[in-house]
N, C-alpha and C. Protein backbone atom coordinates (compact mmCIF):
# COMPACT_ATOMS: atom_id res chain seq x y z
N MET A 1 115.15 60.74 97.89
CA MET A 1 116.14 61.91 97.95
C MET A 1 116.73 62.11 99.18
N VAL A 2 118.06 62.31 99.28
CA VAL A 2 118.91 62.47 100.42
C VAL A 2 118.49 63.71 101.21
N LYS A 3 118.10 63.64 102.46
CA LYS A 3 117.76 64.64 103.05
C LYS A 3 118.60 65.83 103.18
N LYS A 4 120.25 65.63 103.01
CA LYS A 4 121.02 66.77 103.17
C LYS A 4 120.89 67.45 101.86
N THR A 5 120.73 66.65 100.57
CA THR A 5 120.61 67.45 99.35
C THR A 5 119.50 68.52 99.57
N LEU A 6 118.24 68.08 99.88
CA LEU A 6 117.34 68.92 99.88
C LEU A 6 117.52 70.13 100.86
N ILE A 7 117.95 69.96 102.15
CA ILE A 7 118.27 71.09 103.07
C ILE A 7 119.04 71.97 102.14
N ALA A 8 120.20 71.26 101.48
CA ALA A 8 121.17 72.19 101.04
C ALA A 8 120.38 73.26 99.80
N HIS A 9 119.68 72.64 99.04
CA HIS A 9 118.66 73.39 98.17
C HIS A 9 118.22 74.44 98.96
N ILE A 10 117.37 74.02 100.06
CA ILE A 10 116.79 75.16 100.57
C ILE A 10 117.23 76.18 101.13
N MET A 11 118.70 76.11 101.73
CA MET A 11 119.63 76.94 102.19
C MET A 11 120.00 77.76 101.22
N GLY A 12 120.38 77.18 99.85
CA GLY A 12 120.69 77.93 98.64
C GLY A 12 119.69 78.91 97.93
N LEU A 13 118.70 78.80 98.49
CA LEU A 13 117.75 79.96 98.05
C LEU A 13 117.73 81.16 98.57
N GLY A 14 118.56 81.14 100.06
CA GLY A 14 119.00 82.49 100.73
C GLY A 14 117.64 83.14 101.27
N ARG A 15 116.55 82.52 101.54
CA ARG A 15 115.64 83.21 102.25
C ARG A 15 114.81 82.00 102.96
N PRO A 16 114.30 82.16 104.04
CA PRO A 16 113.38 81.38 104.83
C PRO A 16 112.14 80.83 104.18
N VAL A 17 111.34 81.52 103.41
CA VAL A 17 110.23 81.18 102.89
C VAL A 17 110.29 80.97 101.39
N PHE A 18 109.89 79.90 101.09
CA PHE A 18 109.81 79.51 99.72
C PHE A 18 108.83 78.63 99.29
N SER A 19 108.58 78.40 97.93
CA SER A 19 107.44 77.76 97.35
C SER A 19 107.87 76.20 96.98
N LEU A 20 107.11 75.68 96.89
CA LEU A 20 107.38 74.11 96.41
C LEU A 20 107.81 74.04 94.81
N ARG A 21 107.35 75.04 94.12
CA ARG A 21 107.59 74.98 92.68
C ARG A 21 108.97 75.46 92.71
N GLU A 22 109.27 76.54 93.15
CA GLU A 22 110.92 77.13 93.05
C GLU A 22 111.87 76.19 93.75
N LEU A 23 111.60 75.53 94.90
CA LEU A 23 112.50 74.32 95.31
C LEU A 23 112.63 73.33 94.43
N SER A 24 111.62 72.85 93.71
CA SER A 24 111.59 71.98 92.53
C SER A 24 112.29 72.02 91.44
N ALA A 25 112.40 73.42 91.24
CA ALA A 25 113.24 73.78 89.90
C ALA A 25 114.46 73.85 90.34
N VAL A 26 115.03 74.18 91.53
CA VAL A 26 116.53 74.31 91.92
C VAL A 26 117.15 72.97 92.24
N ALA A 27 116.05 72.08 92.78
CA ALA A 27 116.69 70.73 92.89
C ALA A 27 116.77 69.82 91.69
N GLY A 28 115.87 70.20 90.73
CA GLY A 28 115.89 69.33 89.50
C GLY A 28 115.24 68.12 89.80
N SER A 29 114.26 68.11 90.62
CA SER A 29 113.14 66.89 91.17
C SER A 29 111.81 67.28 90.86
N SER A 30 110.94 66.52 90.55
CA SER A 30 109.69 66.55 90.43
C SER A 30 109.08 67.01 91.62
N PRO A 31 107.79 67.81 91.57
CA PRO A 31 107.01 68.32 92.81
C PRO A 31 106.51 67.33 93.90
N SER A 32 106.47 66.21 93.22
CA SER A 32 105.79 65.13 94.14
C SER A 32 106.72 64.70 94.77
N ALA A 33 108.07 64.52 94.28
CA ALA A 33 109.26 64.02 95.09
C ALA A 33 109.93 64.91 96.04
N VAL A 34 109.92 66.38 95.63
CA VAL A 34 110.27 67.52 96.47
C VAL A 34 109.13 67.33 97.92
N SER A 35 107.92 67.28 97.50
CA SER A 35 106.94 67.20 98.49
C SER A 35 107.06 66.25 99.33
N GLN A 36 107.52 64.94 99.00
CA GLN A 36 107.92 63.93 100.02
C GLN A 36 108.83 64.13 100.89
N GLY A 37 110.01 64.97 100.30
CA GLY A 37 111.13 65.29 100.98
C GLY A 37 110.88 66.07 101.96
N LEU A 38 110.02 67.20 101.60
CA LEU A 38 109.53 68.12 102.47
C LEU A 38 108.44 67.56 103.78
N ALA A 39 107.92 66.73 103.49
CA ALA A 39 107.03 65.76 104.33
C ALA A 39 107.92 65.11 105.56
N TYR A 40 109.10 64.61 105.03
CA TYR A 40 109.90 64.08 106.00
C TYR A 40 110.63 65.24 106.75
N LEU A 41 110.92 66.25 106.20
CA LEU A 41 111.69 67.29 106.74
C LEU A 41 110.75 67.81 107.98
N ARG A 42 109.58 67.88 107.75
CA ARG A 42 108.82 68.53 108.74
C ARG A 42 108.55 67.59 109.75
N GLY A 43 108.42 66.10 109.49
CA GLY A 43 108.66 65.46 110.52
C GLY A 43 109.75 65.56 111.57
N GLN A 44 110.68 65.80 111.08
CA GLN A 44 112.03 66.21 111.78
C GLN A 44 111.97 67.45 112.39
N GLY A 45 110.80 68.32 112.27
CA GLY A 45 111.02 69.88 112.82
C GLY A 45 112.06 70.60 112.00
N LEU A 46 112.27 70.37 110.74
CA LEU A 46 113.36 71.22 110.00
C LEU A 46 112.64 72.06 109.25
N VAL A 47 111.34 71.88 108.75
CA VAL A 47 110.62 73.08 107.93
C VAL A 47 109.20 72.78 108.32
N VAL A 48 108.50 74.10 108.27
CA VAL A 48 107.11 74.09 108.43
C VAL A 48 106.43 74.48 107.25
N LYS A 49 105.20 74.01 107.12
CA LYS A 49 104.25 74.30 105.95
C LYS A 49 103.05 75.57 106.25
N VAL A 50 103.45 76.46 105.50
CA VAL A 50 102.78 77.81 105.67
C VAL A 50 101.46 77.65 105.04
N ALA A 51 101.45 77.40 103.86
CA ALA A 51 100.07 77.18 103.00
C ALA A 51 100.45 76.19 101.83
N HIS A 52 99.24 76.12 101.12
CA HIS A 52 99.37 75.23 100.09
C HIS A 52 100.63 75.48 99.07
N GLY A 53 101.47 74.60 99.17
CA GLY A 53 102.84 75.09 98.31
C GLY A 53 103.92 75.94 98.69
N VAL A 54 103.41 76.51 100.14
CA VAL A 54 104.41 77.49 100.69
C VAL A 54 105.05 76.67 101.87
N TRP A 55 106.19 76.82 101.81
CA TRP A 55 107.15 76.20 103.34
C TRP A 55 108.06 77.41 103.78
N ALA A 56 108.68 77.01 104.93
CA ALA A 56 109.25 78.15 105.63
C ALA A 56 110.56 77.00 106.23
N ALA A 57 111.85 77.35 106.06
CA ALA A 57 112.89 76.68 106.68
C ALA A 57 113.14 77.05 108.14
N GLY A 58 113.81 76.26 108.88
CA GLY A 58 114.10 76.53 110.25
C GLY A 58 113.28 75.86 111.34
N GLY A 59 111.88 75.26 110.73
CA GLY A 59 111.08 74.80 111.72
C GLY A 59 110.35 75.80 112.74
N VAL A 60 110.46 77.13 112.26
CA VAL A 60 109.68 78.07 113.04
C VAL A 60 108.87 78.83 112.02
N MET A 61 107.62 78.91 112.44
CA MET A 61 106.72 79.65 111.68
C MET A 61 106.78 81.17 111.39
N PRO A 62 107.12 81.66 110.15
CA PRO A 62 107.52 83.06 109.90
C PRO A 62 106.39 83.83 110.40
N GLY A 63 107.01 85.27 110.23
CA GLY A 63 105.81 86.16 110.52
C GLY A 63 104.95 86.31 109.34
N PRO A 64 103.73 86.77 109.19
CA PRO A 64 102.74 86.70 108.08
C PRO A 64 103.22 87.80 106.86
N TYR A 65 104.12 88.84 107.21
CA TYR A 65 104.55 89.84 106.25
C TYR A 65 105.30 89.35 105.11
N SER A 66 106.28 87.98 105.72
CA SER A 66 107.27 87.70 105.01
C SER A 66 106.76 86.58 103.86
N VAL A 67 105.31 86.23 104.03
CA VAL A 67 104.94 85.34 103.23
C VAL A 67 104.18 85.93 102.19
N ILE A 68 103.82 87.35 102.16
CA ILE A 68 102.77 87.71 101.22
C ILE A 68 103.13 87.66 99.67
N ALA A 69 104.58 87.59 99.27
CA ALA A 69 104.79 87.47 97.84
C ALA A 69 104.60 86.04 97.50
N HIS A 70 104.44 84.96 98.32
CA HIS A 70 104.00 83.84 98.10
C HIS A 70 102.74 83.16 97.89
N ILE A 71 101.76 84.12 98.58
CA ILE A 71 100.48 83.62 98.68
C ILE A 71 99.55 84.33 97.51
N LEU A 72 100.30 85.29 96.84
CA LEU A 72 99.80 86.03 95.94
C LEU A 72 100.85 85.94 94.63
N PRO A 73 101.45 85.04 94.27
CA PRO A 73 102.79 84.90 93.37
C PRO A 73 102.50 85.47 92.14
N LYS A 74 101.05 85.58 91.53
CA LYS A 74 101.01 85.95 90.33
C LYS A 74 100.33 87.46 90.01
N GLN A 75 100.20 87.87 91.48
CA GLN A 75 99.94 89.62 91.41
C GLN A 75 100.60 90.29 92.55
N ARG A 76 101.05 91.47 92.28
CA ARG A 76 101.68 92.17 93.05
C ARG A 76 100.57 92.69 94.11
N ALA A 77 100.85 92.68 95.47
CA ALA A 77 99.99 93.42 96.57
C ALA A 77 101.00 93.98 97.43
N TYR A 78 100.52 95.08 98.16
CA TYR A 78 101.21 95.67 99.26
C TYR A 78 100.20 95.78 100.38
N VAL A 79 100.63 95.91 101.44
CA VAL A 79 100.28 96.28 102.80
C VAL A 79 99.51 97.35 102.81
N SER A 80 98.24 97.53 103.18
CA SER A 80 97.67 98.96 103.17
C SER A 80 96.55 98.91 104.22
N PHE A 81 95.57 99.91 104.10
CA PHE A 81 94.35 99.90 104.85
C PHE A 81 94.90 99.71 106.34
N THR A 82 94.05 99.14 107.11
CA THR A 82 94.35 99.36 108.57
C THR A 82 95.70 98.57 109.12
N SER A 83 96.34 97.59 108.39
CA SER A 83 97.33 97.12 108.76
C SER A 83 98.40 98.17 108.47
N ALA A 84 98.50 98.60 107.45
CA ALA A 84 99.48 99.55 107.25
C ALA A 84 99.33 100.89 108.40
N LEU A 85 98.09 101.32 108.44
CA LEU A 85 97.99 102.37 109.48
C LEU A 85 98.48 101.85 110.89
N HIS A 86 98.36 100.81 111.01
CA HIS A 86 98.82 100.24 112.64
C HIS A 86 100.22 100.13 112.48
N LEU A 87 101.09 99.87 111.21
CA LEU A 87 102.46 99.81 111.23
C LEU A 87 103.08 101.18 111.29
N HIS A 88 102.16 102.12 110.60
CA HIS A 88 102.74 103.62 110.97
C HIS A 88 102.61 104.37 112.04
N GLY A 89 101.91 103.49 113.07
CA GLY A 89 101.25 104.03 114.31
C GLY A 89 100.28 104.96 114.27
N VAL A 90 99.48 105.04 113.45
CA VAL A 90 98.29 105.90 112.92
C VAL A 90 97.03 105.16 113.96
N ILE A 91 96.92 103.91 113.93
CA ILE A 91 96.08 103.23 114.85
C ILE A 91 96.69 102.29 115.87
N GLU A 92 96.38 102.19 116.95
CA GLU A 92 97.08 101.46 117.84
C GLU A 92 96.41 99.78 117.92
N GLN A 93 95.19 99.54 117.65
CA GLN A 93 94.73 98.43 117.63
C GLN A 93 95.31 97.36 116.35
N ILE A 94 95.76 96.36 116.70
CA ILE A 94 96.28 95.39 115.79
C ILE A 94 95.13 94.77 114.99
N PRO A 95 94.98 94.96 113.45
CA PRO A 95 94.07 94.31 112.72
C PRO A 95 94.07 92.64 112.93
N GLN A 96 92.77 92.08 113.01
CA GLN A 96 92.91 90.72 112.99
C GLN A 96 93.64 89.85 111.78
N ALA A 97 93.25 90.50 110.44
CA ALA A 97 93.84 89.96 109.27
C ALA A 97 94.91 90.86 108.87
N VAL A 98 95.82 90.62 108.20
CA VAL A 98 96.72 91.42 107.39
C VAL A 98 95.96 91.86 106.04
N THR A 99 95.89 93.44 106.08
CA THR A 99 95.03 93.82 104.75
C THR A 99 95.82 94.27 103.59
N LEU A 100 95.68 93.49 102.47
CA LEU A 100 96.67 94.10 101.60
C LEU A 100 95.79 94.53 100.22
N ALA A 101 96.20 95.46 99.57
CA ALA A 101 95.67 95.83 98.25
C ALA A 101 96.17 95.34 96.97
N SER A 102 95.30 94.75 96.02
CA SER A 102 95.84 94.24 95.03
C SER A 102 94.92 94.68 93.76
N VAL A 103 95.39 94.40 92.59
CA VAL A 103 94.37 94.35 91.37
C VAL A 103 93.86 93.10 91.11
N ALA A 104 94.21 92.21 91.81
CA ALA A 104 93.48 90.93 91.95
C ALA A 104 92.00 90.96 92.48
N HIS A 105 91.10 89.96 92.38
CA HIS A 105 89.93 89.81 93.15
C HIS A 105 90.26 89.87 94.57
N GLY A 106 89.34 90.70 95.25
CA GLY A 106 89.37 90.40 96.72
C GLY A 106 89.10 89.21 97.33
N GLY A 107 89.53 88.95 98.65
CA GLY A 107 89.04 87.54 99.31
C GLY A 107 89.75 87.40 100.35
N GLU A 108 89.61 86.43 101.18
CA GLU A 108 90.21 86.07 102.37
C GLU A 108 91.19 84.91 102.10
N ILE A 109 92.60 84.96 102.52
CA ILE A 109 93.38 83.94 102.51
C ILE A 109 93.76 83.46 103.76
N LYS A 110 93.61 82.29 104.21
CA LYS A 110 94.05 81.83 105.34
C LYS A 110 95.41 80.84 105.30
N THR A 111 96.48 81.01 106.17
CA THR A 111 97.71 80.31 106.07
C THR A 111 97.83 80.01 107.57
N ALA A 112 99.11 79.31 107.74
CA ALA A 112 99.27 78.91 109.34
C ALA A 112 99.97 80.22 109.86
N ALA A 113 100.63 81.16 108.80
CA ALA A 113 101.33 82.10 109.35
C ALA A 113 100.58 83.35 109.83
N GLY A 114 98.98 83.27 109.23
CA GLY A 114 98.08 84.32 109.58
C GLY A 114 96.90 84.48 108.57
N VAL A 115 96.06 85.43 108.57
CA VAL A 115 94.89 85.26 107.84
C VAL A 115 95.24 86.49 106.89
N PHE A 116 94.80 86.74 105.72
CA PHE A 116 95.07 87.86 105.05
C PHE A 116 93.93 88.38 104.04
N ALA A 117 93.42 89.48 104.11
CA ALA A 117 92.34 90.19 103.61
C ALA A 117 92.77 90.93 102.53
N VAL A 118 92.45 90.41 101.35
CA VAL A 118 92.65 91.13 99.96
C VAL A 118 91.81 92.13 99.53
N HIS A 119 91.76 93.35 99.49
CA HIS A 119 90.83 94.14 98.74
C HIS A 119 91.24 94.63 97.45
N HIS A 120 90.36 94.45 96.55
CA HIS A 120 90.59 94.99 95.15
C HIS A 120 90.80 96.55 94.96
N LEU A 121 91.74 96.82 94.10
CA LEU A 121 91.87 98.46 93.78
C LEU A 121 92.21 98.36 92.30
N ALA A 122 91.48 99.56 91.86
CA ALA A 122 91.46 99.41 90.32
C ALA A 122 93.00 99.82 89.88
N PRO A 123 93.70 99.25 88.88
CA PRO A 123 94.98 99.44 88.49
C PRO A 123 95.34 100.85 88.52
N SER A 124 94.80 101.80 88.09
CA SER A 124 95.12 103.28 87.87
C SER A 124 95.15 103.74 89.43
N PHE A 125 94.87 103.00 90.55
CA PHE A 125 94.84 103.58 91.67
C PHE A 125 95.80 102.49 92.70
N PHE A 126 96.60 101.63 92.04
CA PHE A 126 97.61 100.87 92.41
C PHE A 126 98.87 101.40 92.59
N SER A 127 99.09 102.21 93.54
CA SER A 127 100.48 102.88 93.82
C SER A 127 100.46 103.60 95.19
N GLY A 128 101.65 104.53 95.73
CA GLY A 128 101.66 104.96 96.94
C GLY A 128 102.31 104.30 97.73
N PHE A 129 103.17 103.28 97.34
CA PHE A 129 103.76 102.55 98.31
C PHE A 129 105.32 102.10 98.14
N GLY A 130 106.01 101.44 99.21
CA GLY A 130 107.35 101.26 98.75
C GLY A 130 107.74 100.14 99.66
N TRP A 131 108.93 99.69 99.75
CA TRP A 131 109.53 98.51 100.57
C TRP A 131 109.53 99.11 101.79
N SER A 132 109.25 98.18 102.81
CA SER A 132 109.13 98.33 103.93
C SER A 132 110.72 98.34 104.65
N ALA A 133 110.91 98.85 105.69
CA ALA A 133 112.15 99.02 106.08
C ALA A 133 112.82 98.19 106.76
N GLY A 134 111.77 97.16 107.45
CA GLY A 134 112.26 95.73 107.93
C GLY A 134 112.95 95.16 107.37
N GLY A 135 113.21 93.59 107.71
CA GLY A 135 113.94 92.73 106.84
C GLY A 135 112.91 91.87 106.13
N ASP A 136 111.76 91.89 106.26
CA ASP A 136 110.64 90.93 105.61
C ASP A 136 110.54 91.08 104.33
N GLY A 137 110.64 92.36 103.66
CA GLY A 137 110.74 92.47 102.34
C GLY A 137 109.42 92.37 101.74
N PHE A 138 108.53 93.43 102.39
CA PHE A 138 107.45 93.78 101.77
C PHE A 138 106.90 95.02 101.53
N LEU A 139 105.93 95.22 100.65
CA LEU A 139 105.62 96.68 100.03
C LEU A 139 104.58 97.04 101.15
N LEU A 140 104.72 98.23 101.25
CA LEU A 140 103.95 98.89 102.23
C LEU A 140 103.39 100.21 101.75
N ALA A 141 102.14 100.51 102.10
CA ALA A 141 101.65 101.86 101.40
C ALA A 141 102.11 102.90 102.59
N GLU A 142 102.15 104.23 101.90
CA GLU A 142 102.50 105.36 102.76
C GLU A 142 101.08 105.61 103.76
N PRO A 143 101.24 106.17 104.87
CA PRO A 143 100.09 106.42 105.78
C PRO A 143 99.03 107.20 105.05
N GLU A 144 99.22 108.18 104.18
CA GLU A 144 98.13 109.04 103.69
C GLU A 144 97.49 108.16 102.57
N LYS A 145 98.02 107.25 101.87
CA LYS A 145 97.67 106.32 100.99
C LYS A 145 96.80 105.33 101.54
N ALA A 146 97.17 104.62 102.63
CA ALA A 146 96.43 103.63 103.38
C ALA A 146 95.26 104.07 103.78
N LEU A 147 95.14 105.31 104.43
CA LEU A 147 93.85 105.94 104.85
C LEU A 147 93.21 106.07 103.57
N VAL A 148 93.52 106.78 102.43
CA VAL A 148 92.60 107.12 101.52
C VAL A 148 92.11 105.59 100.75
N ASP A 149 93.07 104.53 100.77
CA ASP A 149 92.69 103.30 100.22
C ASP A 149 91.29 102.72 101.07
N CYS A 150 91.26 102.97 102.26
CA CYS A 150 90.23 102.81 103.31
C CYS A 150 89.02 103.49 102.80
N LEU A 151 89.20 104.44 102.75
CA LEU A 151 87.76 105.52 102.00
C LEU A 151 87.46 104.94 100.76
N TYR A 152 88.34 104.68 99.80
CA TYR A 152 88.01 104.43 98.51
C TYR A 152 87.25 103.08 98.65
N VAL A 153 87.83 101.97 99.33
CA VAL A 153 87.11 100.78 99.45
C VAL A 153 85.56 100.84 100.01
N SER A 154 85.75 101.84 101.13
CA SER A 154 84.41 101.84 101.71
C SER A 154 83.23 102.61 101.12
N ALA A 155 83.54 103.09 99.90
CA ALA A 155 82.81 103.80 98.87
C ALA A 155 82.02 102.85 98.27
N PHE A 156 82.62 101.42 97.80
CA PHE A 156 81.98 100.52 97.19
C PHE A 156 81.37 99.49 98.28
N ARG A 157 82.08 99.19 99.43
CA ARG A 157 81.60 98.18 100.42
C ARG A 157 81.12 98.88 101.64
N LYS A 158 80.28 99.16 101.89
CA LYS A 158 79.69 100.08 103.09
C LYS A 158 80.52 99.71 104.53
N ARG A 159 80.40 98.39 104.65
CA ARG A 159 80.79 97.64 105.92
C ARG A 159 82.19 97.70 106.30
N GLN A 160 83.13 97.89 104.89
CA GLN A 160 84.38 97.88 105.09
C GLN A 160 84.93 99.33 105.33
N PHE A 161 85.82 99.35 106.56
CA PHE A 161 86.51 100.43 106.88
C PHE A 161 85.51 101.69 106.99
N SER A 162 84.15 101.16 107.51
CA SER A 162 83.26 102.54 107.93
C SER A 162 83.43 103.18 109.16
N HIS A 163 84.33 102.69 109.88
CA HIS A 163 84.91 103.33 111.02
C HIS A 163 86.33 103.17 111.54
N PHE A 164 86.88 103.92 112.07
CA PHE A 164 88.28 103.69 112.74
C PHE A 164 88.36 103.72 114.06
N PRO A 165 89.43 103.04 114.65
CA PRO A 165 89.57 103.29 116.11
C PRO A 165 90.20 104.78 116.22
N GLU A 166 90.31 105.17 117.23
CA GLU A 166 91.04 106.54 117.25
C GLU A 166 92.49 106.72 116.63
N LEU A 167 92.46 107.76 115.56
CA LEU A 167 93.44 107.80 114.77
C LEU A 167 94.60 108.98 115.17
N ARG A 168 95.68 108.63 115.19
CA ARG A 168 97.04 109.24 115.69
C ARG A 168 97.57 110.13 114.68
N LEU A 169 97.02 110.97 114.22
CA LEU A 169 97.56 111.71 113.14
C LEU A 169 98.63 112.86 113.65
N ASP A 170 99.85 112.65 113.47
CA ASP A 170 100.90 113.49 114.10
C ASP A 170 101.35 114.64 112.80
N LYS A 171 102.02 115.38 113.14
CA LYS A 171 102.73 116.39 112.30
C LYS A 171 103.09 115.90 110.94
N ASN A 172 103.80 114.57 111.13
CA ASN A 172 104.29 114.18 109.73
C ASN A 172 103.19 113.62 108.73
N PHE A 173 101.85 113.57 109.16
CA PHE A 173 100.94 113.12 108.39
C PHE A 173 100.63 113.99 107.54
N SER A 174 100.43 114.08 106.32
CA SER A 174 100.08 115.13 105.35
C SER A 174 98.73 115.07 104.67
N PHE A 175 98.00 115.93 105.28
CA PHE A 175 96.47 115.86 104.56
C PHE A 175 96.61 116.42 103.28
N LYS A 176 97.42 117.16 102.79
CA LYS A 176 97.40 117.77 101.38
C LYS A 176 97.77 116.57 100.55
N LYS A 177 98.85 115.61 101.05
CA LYS A 177 98.99 114.59 100.12
C LYS A 177 97.77 113.43 100.24
N ALA A 178 96.94 113.43 101.34
CA ALA A 178 96.00 112.46 101.37
C ALA A 178 94.86 113.06 100.10
N TYR A 179 94.55 114.43 100.38
CA TYR A 179 93.54 114.78 99.39
C TYR A 179 94.08 114.74 97.89
N SER A 180 95.42 114.87 97.63
CA SER A 180 96.11 114.38 96.20
C SER A 180 95.56 113.03 95.89
N TRP A 181 95.77 112.02 96.70
CA TRP A 181 95.27 110.82 96.59
C TRP A 181 93.69 110.59 96.16
N VAL A 182 92.82 111.45 96.83
CA VAL A 182 91.58 111.38 96.54
C VAL A 182 91.26 111.73 95.07
N GLU A 183 91.62 112.90 94.88
CA GLU A 183 91.97 113.55 93.40
C GLU A 183 92.11 112.58 92.21
N ARG A 184 92.72 111.46 92.69
CA ARG A 184 93.30 110.46 91.71
C ARG A 184 92.32 109.17 91.37
N ILE A 185 91.09 109.37 92.34
CA ILE A 185 90.14 108.30 92.16
C ILE A 185 89.43 108.57 91.02
N LYS A 186 89.22 107.79 90.03
CA LYS A 186 88.43 107.85 88.81
C LYS A 186 87.07 107.84 89.10
N SER A 187 86.57 107.09 89.72
CA SER A 187 85.00 107.08 90.09
C SER A 187 84.60 108.27 90.90
N ALA A 188 83.80 109.21 90.14
CA ALA A 188 83.37 110.46 90.88
C ALA A 188 82.63 110.15 91.97
N LYS A 189 81.65 109.00 92.16
CA LYS A 189 80.93 108.71 93.34
C LYS A 189 81.89 108.35 94.40
N ALA A 190 83.00 107.68 94.06
CA ALA A 190 83.83 107.19 95.25
C ALA A 190 84.77 108.25 95.46
N ALA A 191 85.04 109.16 94.66
CA ALA A 191 85.79 110.27 95.05
C ALA A 191 84.97 111.36 96.09
N VAL A 192 84.11 111.56 95.73
CA VAL A 192 82.93 112.48 96.62
C VAL A 192 82.80 111.81 97.93
N HIS A 193 82.47 110.29 98.07
CA HIS A 193 82.67 109.69 99.26
C HIS A 193 83.85 109.88 100.16
N ALA A 194 85.03 109.69 99.37
CA ALA A 194 86.27 109.35 100.13
C ALA A 194 86.55 111.04 100.55
N ARG A 195 86.25 112.12 99.51
CA ARG A 195 86.54 113.33 100.26
C ARG A 195 85.52 113.80 101.53
N LYS A 196 84.31 113.45 101.58
CA LYS A 196 83.34 113.67 102.58
C LYS A 196 84.34 113.21 103.91
N ARG A 197 84.56 111.87 103.68
CA ARG A 197 85.22 111.32 105.09
C ARG A 197 86.26 111.98 105.45
N LEU A 198 87.05 112.20 104.44
CA LEU A 198 88.57 112.80 104.66
C LEU A 198 88.45 114.18 105.16
N ASP A 199 87.42 114.69 104.90
CA ASP A 199 87.01 116.30 105.27
C ASP A 199 86.71 116.04 106.94
N SER A 200 85.88 114.91 107.25
CA SER A 200 85.46 114.60 108.74
C SER A 200 86.61 114.32 109.70
N ILE A 201 87.53 113.53 108.93
CA ILE A 201 88.65 113.01 109.71
C ILE A 201 89.72 114.39 110.02
N LYS A 202 89.89 115.10 108.99
CA LYS A 202 90.42 116.30 109.47
C LYS A 202 90.02 117.25 110.23
N ARG A 203 88.70 117.53 110.21
CA ARG A 203 87.94 118.29 111.33
C ARG A 203 88.07 117.84 112.71
N CYS A 204 88.20 116.46 112.59
CA CYS A 204 88.58 115.94 114.08
C CYS A 204 89.90 116.02 114.45
N ALA A 205 90.78 115.82 113.59
CA ALA A 205 92.29 115.86 113.80
C ALA A 205 92.48 117.38 114.38
N GLU A 206 91.78 118.52 113.86
CA GLU A 206 92.10 119.90 114.34
C GLU A 206 91.35 120.35 115.41
N GLU A 207 90.46 119.63 115.94
CA GLU A 207 89.93 119.95 116.96
C GLU A 207 90.76 119.89 118.50
């Protein structure tokens, strides 16, 4: 495979992060042949390997948010929990892992771009997000939903999100909206747990 041809196909994708499978499809070559070409380009510093089957152009490791769609290609996922709260300025501390909500099974995904902690949500509760304002193109929970997602998960896994760093809830944060998300939790036990914790957070915010 000619190096320039493969580079041209990568540039033709129009974005820095791509999968081996999609590059193989546009290049019209087998995954093994494309993999060999990428290994060569990697040695030249022209691409970097992000994870198994996921690469980035330009020789510079991309930010973690730009690779989310590629590490969970068969399931939609949105940034929520403490990562979303940090991005919204609700908590100052940067989480060690990017926290994602998905209907897929939970678990940890390690990549060269960062570590991702995936938390399972019931399909009926998989909402309350939109596209991020930046250029990375990832789905991001509203601050109220991100907080309630934390409370929801903590109802089933006591050690998860059992406490928060100091919360900075400004006038734009809507407790009314947060309580409306609690009302949509179908598990009665989880709803009671989330409501009690939200009550406590609200009292602290009002002091």
